[in-house]
Amino acid sequence: MKNVFDTILEVGHDEDFVPVVTADFRPTDAPAGSPAKLEVLAERIRKGLPLWHPEDRVDYAGLTGAIRPQD
C-alpha cells in the first residue's frame, strides 16, 4: 500500500500540473453544477486538459426545468 508521499514522488503533485490543449479539449453545453458538467470537468482533469474552456456554457438560457438565479 502506498501513501500520499510515495504517490507524489512517483507522479508529482498539482503544483507541477501544466494542462495541455489537444483535440479532446472541446466546449460543453452542460449547465454549471450539473452531473454532466461535473463529469466533463473530471474527464478533462483525467486527460490533463485545462479545466475551463472559454466556450463552455455560462448561463441557463433555453433549458427547461432549470432554476434561474435571482437578480
PDB file of N, CA and C in Angstrom:
ATOM      1  N   MET A   1       0.850  -1.184   0.000  1.00  0.00           N
ATOM      2  CA  MET A   1       0.000   0.000   0.000  1.00  0.00           C
ATOM      3  C   MET A   1       0.892   1.243   0.000  1.00  0.00           C
ATOM      4  N   LYS A   2       0.571   2.178  -0.879  1.00  0.00           N
ATOM      5  CA  LYS A   2       1.315   3.436  -0.957  1.00  0.00           C
ATOM      6  C   LYS A   2       0.648   4.500  -0.090  1.00  0.00           C
ATOM      7  N   ASN A   3       1.445   5.421   0.340  1.00  0.00           N
ATOM      8  CA  ASN A   3       0.867   6.584   1.000  1.00  0.00           C
ATOM      9  C   ASN A   3       0.960   7.777   0.052  1.00  0.00           C
ATOM     10  N   VAL A   4       0.411   8.896   0.438  1.00  0.00           N
ATOM     11  CA  VAL A   4       0.349  10.071  -0.426  1.00  0.00           C
ATOM     12  C   VAL A   4       1.745  10.552  -0.823  1.00  0.00           C
ATOM     13  N   PHE A   5       2.711  10.422   0.052  1.00  0.00           N
ATOM     14  CA  PHE A   5       4.059  10.897  -0.249  1.00  0.00           C
ATOM     15  C   PHE A   5       4.733  10.029  -1.312  1.00  0.00           C
ATOM     16  N   ASP A   6       4.497   8.715  -1.254  1.00  0.00           N
ATOM     17  CA  ASP A   6       5.010   7.823  -2.290  1.00  0.00           C
ATOM     18  C   ASP A   6       4.401   8.164  -3.650  1.00  0.00           C
ATOM     19  N   THR A   7       3.120   8.452  -3.650  1.00  0.00           N
ATOM     20  CA  THR A   7       2.439   8.789  -4.904  1.00  0.00           C
ATOM     21  C   THR A   7       2.971  10.105  -5.472  1.00  0.00           C
ATOM     22  N   ILE A   8       3.202  11.096  -4.614  1.00  0.00           N
ATOM     23  CA  ILE A   8       3.756  12.377  -5.075  1.00  0.00           C
ATOM     24  C   ILE A   8       5.138  12.164  -5.676  1.00  0.00           C
ATOM     25  N   LEU A   9       5.965  11.345  -5.049  1.00  0.00           N
ATOM     26  CA  LEU A   9       7.291  11.065  -5.596  1.00  0.00           C
ATOM     27  C   LEU A   9       7.198  10.368  -6.952  1.00  0.00           C
ATOM     28  N   GLU A  10       6.197   9.527  -7.111  1.00  0.00           N
ATOM     29  CA  GLU A  10       6.042   8.769  -8.349  1.00  0.00           C
ATOM     30  C   GLU A  10       5.475   9.595  -9.496  1.00  0.00           C
ATOM     31  N   VAL A  11       4.407  10.374  -9.244  1.00  0.00           N
ATOM     32  CA  VAL A  11       3.717  11.067 -10.336  1.00  0.00           C
ATOM     33  C   VAL A  11       3.708  12.589 -10.213  1.00  0.00           C
ATOM     34  N   GLY A  12       4.278  13.127  -9.170  1.00  0.00           N
ATOM     35  CA  GLY A  12       4.279  14.569  -8.989  1.00  0.00           C
ATOM     36  C   GLY A  12       3.057  15.034  -8.224  1.00  0.00           C
ATOM     37  N   HIS A  13       2.858  16.335  -8.187  1.00  0.00           N
ATOM     38  CA  HIS A  13       1.720  16.906  -7.467  1.00  0.00           C
ATOM     39  C   HIS A  13       1.131  18.044  -8.282  1.00  0.00           C
ATOM     40  N   ASP A  14       0.040  18.597  -7.797  1.00  0.00           N
ATOM     41  CA  ASP A  14      -0.680  19.592  -8.583  1.00  0.00           C
ATOM     42  C   ASP A  14       0.101  20.874  -8.838  1.00  0.00           C
ATOM     43  N   GLU A  15       1.119  21.170  -8.051  1.00  0.00           N
ATOM     44  CA  GLU A  15       1.911  22.366  -8.300  1.00  0.00           C
ATOM     45  C   GLU A  15       2.711  22.238  -9.597  1.00  0.00           C
ATOM     46  N   ASP A  16       2.933  20.999 -10.049  1.00  0.00           N
ATOM     47  CA  ASP A  16       3.664  20.758 -11.290  1.00  0.00           C
ATOM     48  C   ASP A  16       2.733  20.596 -12.487  1.00  0.00           C
ATOM     49  N   PHE A  17       1.422  20.635 -12.269  1.00  0.00           N
ATOM     50  CA  PHE A  17       0.463  20.373 -13.334  1.00  0.00           C
ATOM     51  C   PHE A  17       0.463  21.494 -14.362  1.00  0.00           C
ATOM     52  N   VAL A  18       0.677  21.128 -15.609  1.00  0.00           N
ATOM     53  CA  VAL A  18       0.599  22.071 -16.721  1.00  0.00           C
ATOM     54  C   VAL A  18      -0.371  21.470 -17.729  1.00  0.00           C
ATOM     55  N   PRO A  19      -1.576  22.043 -17.870  1.00  0.00           N
ATOM     56  CA  PRO A  19      -2.550  21.474 -18.791  1.00  0.00           C
ATOM     57  C   PRO A  19      -2.077  21.582 -20.233  1.00  0.00           C
ATOM     58  N   VAL A  20      -2.490  20.618 -21.032  1.00  0.00           N
ATOM     59  CA  VAL A  20      -2.125  20.566 -22.445  1.00  0.00           C
ATOM     60  C   VAL A  20      -3.411  20.577 -23.272  1.00  0.00           C
ATOM     61  N   VAL A  21      -3.484  21.466 -24.225  1.00  0.00           N
ATOM     62  CA  VAL A  21      -4.657  21.544 -25.094  1.00  0.00           C
ATOM     63  C   VAL A  21      -4.459  20.575 -26.258  1.00  0.00           C
ATOM     64  N   THR A  22      -5.407  19.640 -26.415  1.00  0.00           N
ATOM     65  CA  THR A  22      -5.399  18.689 -27.523  1.00  0.00           C
ATOM     66  C   THR A  22      -6.747  18.763 -28.229  1.00  0.00           C
ATOM     67  N   ALA A  23      -6.931  17.911 -29.219  1.00  0.00           N
ATOM     68  CA  ALA A  23      -8.211  17.873 -29.943  1.00  0.00           C
ATOM     69  C   ALA A  23      -9.359  17.454 -29.033  1.00  0.00           C
ATOM     70  N   ASP A  24      -9.060  16.806 -27.894  1.00  0.00           N
ATOM     71  CA  ASP A  24     -10.092  16.401 -26.937  1.00  0.00           C
ATOM     72  C   ASP A  24     -10.669  17.578 -26.148  1.00  0.00           C
ATOM     73  N   PHE A  25     -10.012  18.728 -26.214  1.00  0.00           N
ATOM     74  CA  PHE A  25     -10.453  19.890 -25.441  1.00  0.00           C
ATOM     75  C   PHE A  25     -11.532  20.635 -26.219  1.00  0.00           C
ATOM     76  N   ARG A  26     -12.780  20.251 -25.972  1.00  0.00           N
ATOM     77  CA  ARG A  26     -13.936  20.836 -26.649  1.00  0.00           C
ATOM     78  C   ARG A  26     -14.867  21.450 -25.608  1.00  0.00           C
ATOM     79  N   PRO A  27     -15.635  22.474 -26.011  1.00  0.00           N
ATOM     80  CA  PRO A  27     -16.573  23.082 -25.065  1.00  0.00           C
ATOM     81  C   PRO A  27     -17.733  22.145 -24.750  1.00  0.00           C
ATOM     82  N   THR A  28     -18.389  22.408 -23.626  1.00  0.00           N
ATOM     83  CA  THR A  28     -19.563  21.636 -23.241  1.00  0.00           C
ATOM     84  C   THR A  28     -20.758  22.570 -23.095  1.00  0.00           C
ATOM     85  N   ASP A  29     -21.924  22.035 -23.399  1.00  0.00           N
ATOM     86  CA  ASP A  29     -23.164  22.786 -23.237  1.00  0.00           C
ATOM     87  C   ASP A  29     -23.849  22.429 -21.913  1.00  0.00           C
ATOM     88  N   ALA A  30     -23.205  21.578 -21.117  1.00  0.00           N
ATOM     89  CA  ALA A  30     -23.784  21.165 -19.835  1.00  0.00           C
ATOM     90  C   ALA A  30     -23.842  22.363 -18.884  1.00  0.00           C
ATOM     91  N   PRO A  31     -24.965  22.535 -18.185  1.00  0.00           N
ATOM     92  CA  PRO A  31     -25.087  23.665 -17.268  1.00  0.00           C
ATOM     93  C   PRO A  31     -24.199  23.516 -16.032  1.00  0.00           C
ATOM     94  N   ALA A  32     -23.769  24.637 -15.509  1.00  0.00           N
ATOM     95  CA  ALA A  32     -22.924  24.659 -14.315  1.00  0.00           C
ATOM     96  C   ALA A  32     -23.577  23.904 -13.172  1.00  0.00           C
ATOM     97  N   GLY A  33     -22.790  23.085 -12.483  1.00  0.00           N
ATOM     98  CA  GLY A  33     -23.272  22.347 -11.316  1.00  0.00           C
ATOM     99  C   GLY A  33     -24.013  21.067 -11.637  1.00  0.00           C
ATOM    100  N   SER A  34     -24.265  20.801 -12.901  1.00  0.00           N
ATOM    101  CA  SER A  34     -24.996  19.586 -13.269  1.00  0.00           C
ATOM    102  C   SER A  34     -24.063  18.371 -13.222  1.00  0.00           C
ATOM    103  N   PRO A  35     -24.628  17.183 -13.018  1.00  0.00           N
ATOM    104  CA  PRO A  35     -23.792  15.979 -13.067  1.00  0.00           C
ATOM    105  C   PRO A  35     -23.026  15.857 -14.389  1.00  0.00           C
ATOM    106  N   ALA A  36     -23.647  16.274 -15.485  1.00  0.00           N
ATOM    107  CA  ALA A  36     -22.972  16.210 -16.783  1.00  0.00           C
ATOM    108  C   ALA A  36     -21.752  17.127 -16.821  1.00  0.00           C
ATOM    109  N   LYS A  37     -21.873  18.331 -16.284  1.00  0.00           N
ATOM    110  CA  LYS A  37     -20.747  19.270 -16.266  1.00  0.00           C
ATOM    111  C   LYS A  37     -19.641  18.755 -15.363  1.00  0.00           C
ATOM    112  N   LEU A  38     -20.006  18.208 -14.213  1.00  0.00           N
ATOM    113  CA  LEU A  38     -19.000  17.669 -13.306  1.00  0.00           C
ATOM    114  C   LEU A  38     -18.235  16.518 -13.953  1.00  0.00           C
ATOM    115  N   GLU A  39     -18.933  15.696 -14.723  1.00  0.00           N
ATOM    116  CA  GLU A  39     -18.261  14.598 -15.417  1.00  0.00           C
ATOM    117  C   GLU A  39     -17.312  15.126 -16.487  1.00  0.00           C
ATOM    118  N   VAL A  40     -17.717  16.168 -17.211  1.00  0.00           N
ATOM    119  CA  VAL A  40     -16.839  16.779 -18.209  1.00  0.00           C
ATOM    120  C   VAL A  40     -15.583  17.322 -17.539  1.00  0.00           C
ATOM    121  N   LEU A  41     -15.746  18.008 -16.410  1.00  0.00           N
ATOM    122  CA  LEU A  41     -14.592  18.563 -15.698  1.00  0.00           C
ATOM    123  C   LEU A  41     -13.662  17.457 -15.204  1.00  0.00           C
ATOM    124  N   ALA A  42     -14.243  16.386 -14.662  1.00  0.00           N
ATOM    125  CA  ALA A  42     -13.428  15.264 -14.184  1.00  0.00           C
ATOM    126  C   ALA A  42     -12.667  14.622 -15.341  1.00  0.00           C
ATOM    127  N   GLU A  43     -13.320  14.478 -16.478  1.00  0.00           N
ATOM    128  CA  GLU A  43     -12.669  13.879 -17.646  1.00  0.00           C
ATOM    129  C   GLU A  43     -11.537  14.771 -18.152  1.00  0.00           C
ATOM    130  N   ARG A  44     -11.735  16.076 -18.114  1.00  0.00           N
ATOM    131  CA  ARG A  44     -10.665  16.996 -18.523  1.00  0.00           C
ATOM    132  C   ARG A  44      -9.439  16.823 -17.627  1.00  0.00           C
ATOM    133  N   ILE A  45      -9.669  16.705 -16.340  1.00  0.00           N
ATOM    134  CA  ILE A  45      -8.549  16.515 -15.416  1.00  0.00           C
ATOM    135  C   ILE A  45      -7.846  15.189 -15.692  1.00  0.00           C
ATOM    136  N   ARG A  46      -8.632  14.126 -15.889  1.00  0.00           N
ATOM    137  CA  ARG A  46      -8.030  12.812 -16.176  1.00  0.00           C
ATOM    138  C   ARG A  46      -7.165  12.845 -17.424  1.00  0.00           C
ATOM    139  N   LYS A  47      -7.569  13.665 -18.404  1.00  0.00           N
ATOM    140  CA  LYS A  47      -6.821  13.743 -19.661  1.00  0.00           C
ATOM    141  C   LYS A  47      -5.704  14.789 -19.627  1.00  0.00           C
ATOM    142  N   GLY A  48      -5.582  15.524 -18.521  1.00  0.00           N
ATOM    143  CA  GLY A  48      -4.546  16.550 -18.414  1.00  0.00           C
ATOM    144  C   GLY A  48      -4.861  17.821 -19.172  1.00  0.00           C
ATOM    145  N   LEU A  49      -6.147  18.041 -19.437  1.00  0.00           N
ATOM    146  CA  LEU A  49      -6.595  19.227 -20.168  1.00  0.00           C
ATOM    147  C   LEU A  49      -6.852  20.383 -19.209  1.00  0.00           C
ATOM    148  N   PRO A  50      -6.931  21.609 -19.729  1.00  0.00           N
ATOM    149  CA  PRO A  50      -7.359  22.715 -18.873  1.00  0.00           C
ATOM    150  C   PRO A  50      -8.766  22.441 -18.337  1.00  0.00           C
ATOM    151  N   LEU A  51      -9.057  22.959 -17.175  1.00  0.00           N
ATOM    152  CA  LEU A  51     -10.356  22.714 -16.561  1.00  0.00           C
ATOM    153  C   LEU A  51     -11.476  23.474 -17.250  1.00  0.00           C
ATOM    154  N   TRP A  52     -11.259  24.739 -17.586  1.00  0.00           N
ATOM    155  CA  TRP A  52     -12.318  25.593 -18.135  1.00  0.00           C
ATOM    156  C   TRP A  52     -12.051  25.900 -19.595  1.00  0.00           C
ATOM    157  N   HIS A  53     -13.061  25.681 -20.433  1.00  0.00           N
ATOM    158  CA  HIS A  53     -12.980  26.026 -21.853  1.00  0.00           C
ATOM    159  C   HIS A  53     -13.655  27.381 -22.036  1.00  0.00           C
ATOM    160  N   PRO A  54     -13.074  28.288 -22.821  1.00  0.00           N
ATOM    161  CA  PRO A  54     -13.684  29.618 -22.970  1.00  0.00           C
ATOM    162  C   PRO A  54     -15.071  29.594 -23.619  1.00  0.00           C
ATOM    163  N   GLU A  55     -15.433  28.499 -24.281  1.00  0.00           N
ATOM    164  CA  GLU A  55     -16.744  28.421 -24.924  1.00  0.00           C
ATOM    165  C   GLU A  55     -17.729  27.526 -24.165  1.00  0.00           C
ATOM    166  N   ASP A  56     -17.412  27.137 -22.930  1.00  0.00           N
ATOM    167  CA  ASP A  56     -18.365  26.384 -22.114  1.00  0.00           C
ATOM    168  C   ASP A  56     -19.610  27.226 -21.860  1.00  0.00           C
ATOM    169  N   ARG A  57     -20.745  26.546 -21.641  1.00  0.00           N
ATOM    170  CA  ARG A  57     -21.994  27.244 -21.313  1.00  0.00           C
ATOM    171  C   ARG A  57     -21.775  28.097 -20.065  1.00  0.00           C
ATOM    172  N   VAL A  58     -22.279  29.335 -20.120  1.00  0.00           N
ATOM    173  CA  VAL A  58     -22.136  30.246 -18.973  1.00  0.00           C
ATOM    174  C   VAL A  58     -23.484  30.668 -18.393  1.00  0.00           C
ATOM    175  N   ASP A  59     -24.589  30.166 -18.986  1.00  0.00           N
ATOM    176  CA  ASP A  59     -25.901  30.550 -18.476  1.00  0.00           C
ATOM    177  C   ASP A  59     -26.860  29.365 -18.564  1.00  0.00           C
ATOM    178  N   TYR A  60     -28.109  29.608 -18.220  1.00  0.00           N
ATOM    179  CA  TYR A  60     -29.125  28.557 -18.242  1.00  0.00           C
ATOM    180  C   TYR A  60     -30.170  28.809 -19.330  1.00  0.00           C
ATOM    181  N   ALA A  61     -29.863  29.707 -20.268  1.00  0.00           N
ATOM    182  CA  ALA A  61     -30.802  30.075 -21.327  1.00  0.00           C
ATOM    183  C   ALA A  61     -31.211  28.843 -22.138  1.00  0.00           C
ATOM    184  N   GLY A  62     -32.510  28.734 -22.390  1.00  0.00           N
ATOM    185  CA  GLY A  62     -33.015  27.666 -23.230  1.00  0.00           C
ATOM    186  C   GLY A  62     -33.212  26.331 -22.551  1.00  0.00           C
ATOM    187  N   LEU A  63     -32.892  26.240 -21.284  1.00  0.00           N
ATOM    188  CA  LEU A  63     -33.059  24.987 -20.558  1.00  0.00           C
ATOM    189  C   LEU A  63     -34.463  24.939 -19.940  1.00  0.00           C
ATOM    190  N   THR A  64     -35.090  23.801 -19.955  1.00  0.00           N
ATOM    191  CA  THR A  64     -36.387  23.656 -19.296  1.00  0.00           C
ATOM    192  C   THR A  64     -36.188  23.003 -17.952  1.00  0.00           C
ATOM    193  N   GLY A  65     -36.956  23.441 -16.991  1.00  0.00           N
ATOM    194  CA  GLY A  65     -36.864  22.870 -15.650  1.00  0.00           C
ATOM    195  C   GLY A  65     -35.692  23.384 -14.848  1.00  0.00           C
ATOM    196  N   ALA A  66     -34.942  24.322 -15.378  1.00  0.00           N
ATOM    197  CA  ALA A  66     -33.812  24.867 -14.640  1.00  0.00           C
ATOM    198  C   ALA A  66     -34.289  25.967 -13.705  1.00  0.00           C
ATOM    199  N   ILE A  67     -33.683  26.062 -12.578  1.00  0.00           N
ATOM    200  CA  ILE A  67     -33.965  27.137 -11.633  1.00  0.00           C
ATOM    201  C   ILE A  67     -33.039  28.295 -11.967  1.00  0.00           C
ATOM    202  N   ARG A  68     -33.636  29.421 -12.240  1.00  0.00           N
ATOM    203  CA  ARG A  68     -32.823  30.575 -12.601  1.00  0.00           C
ATOM    204  C   ARG A  68     -32.364  31.313 -11.340  1.00  0.00           C
ATOM    205  N   PRO A  69     -31.110  31.784 -11.338  1.00  0.00           N
ATOM    206  CA  PRO A  69     -30.629  32.544 -10.186  1.00  0.00           C
ATOM    207  C   PRO A  69     -31.399  33.853 -10.029  1.00  0.00           C
ATOM    208  N   GLN A  70     -31.547  34.282  -8.830  1.00  0.00           N
ATOM    209  CA  GLN A  70     -32.229  35.558  -8.571  1.00  0.00           C
ATOM    210  C   GLN A  70     -31.305  36.711  -8.921  1.00  0.00           C
ATOM    211  N   ASP A  71     -31.892  37.805  -9.394  1.00  0.00           N
ATOM    212  CA  ASP A  71     -31.092  39.011  -9.731  1.00  0.00           C
ATOM    213  C   ASP A  71     -30.697  39.745  -8.483  1.00  0.00           C
TER     214      ASP A  71
END
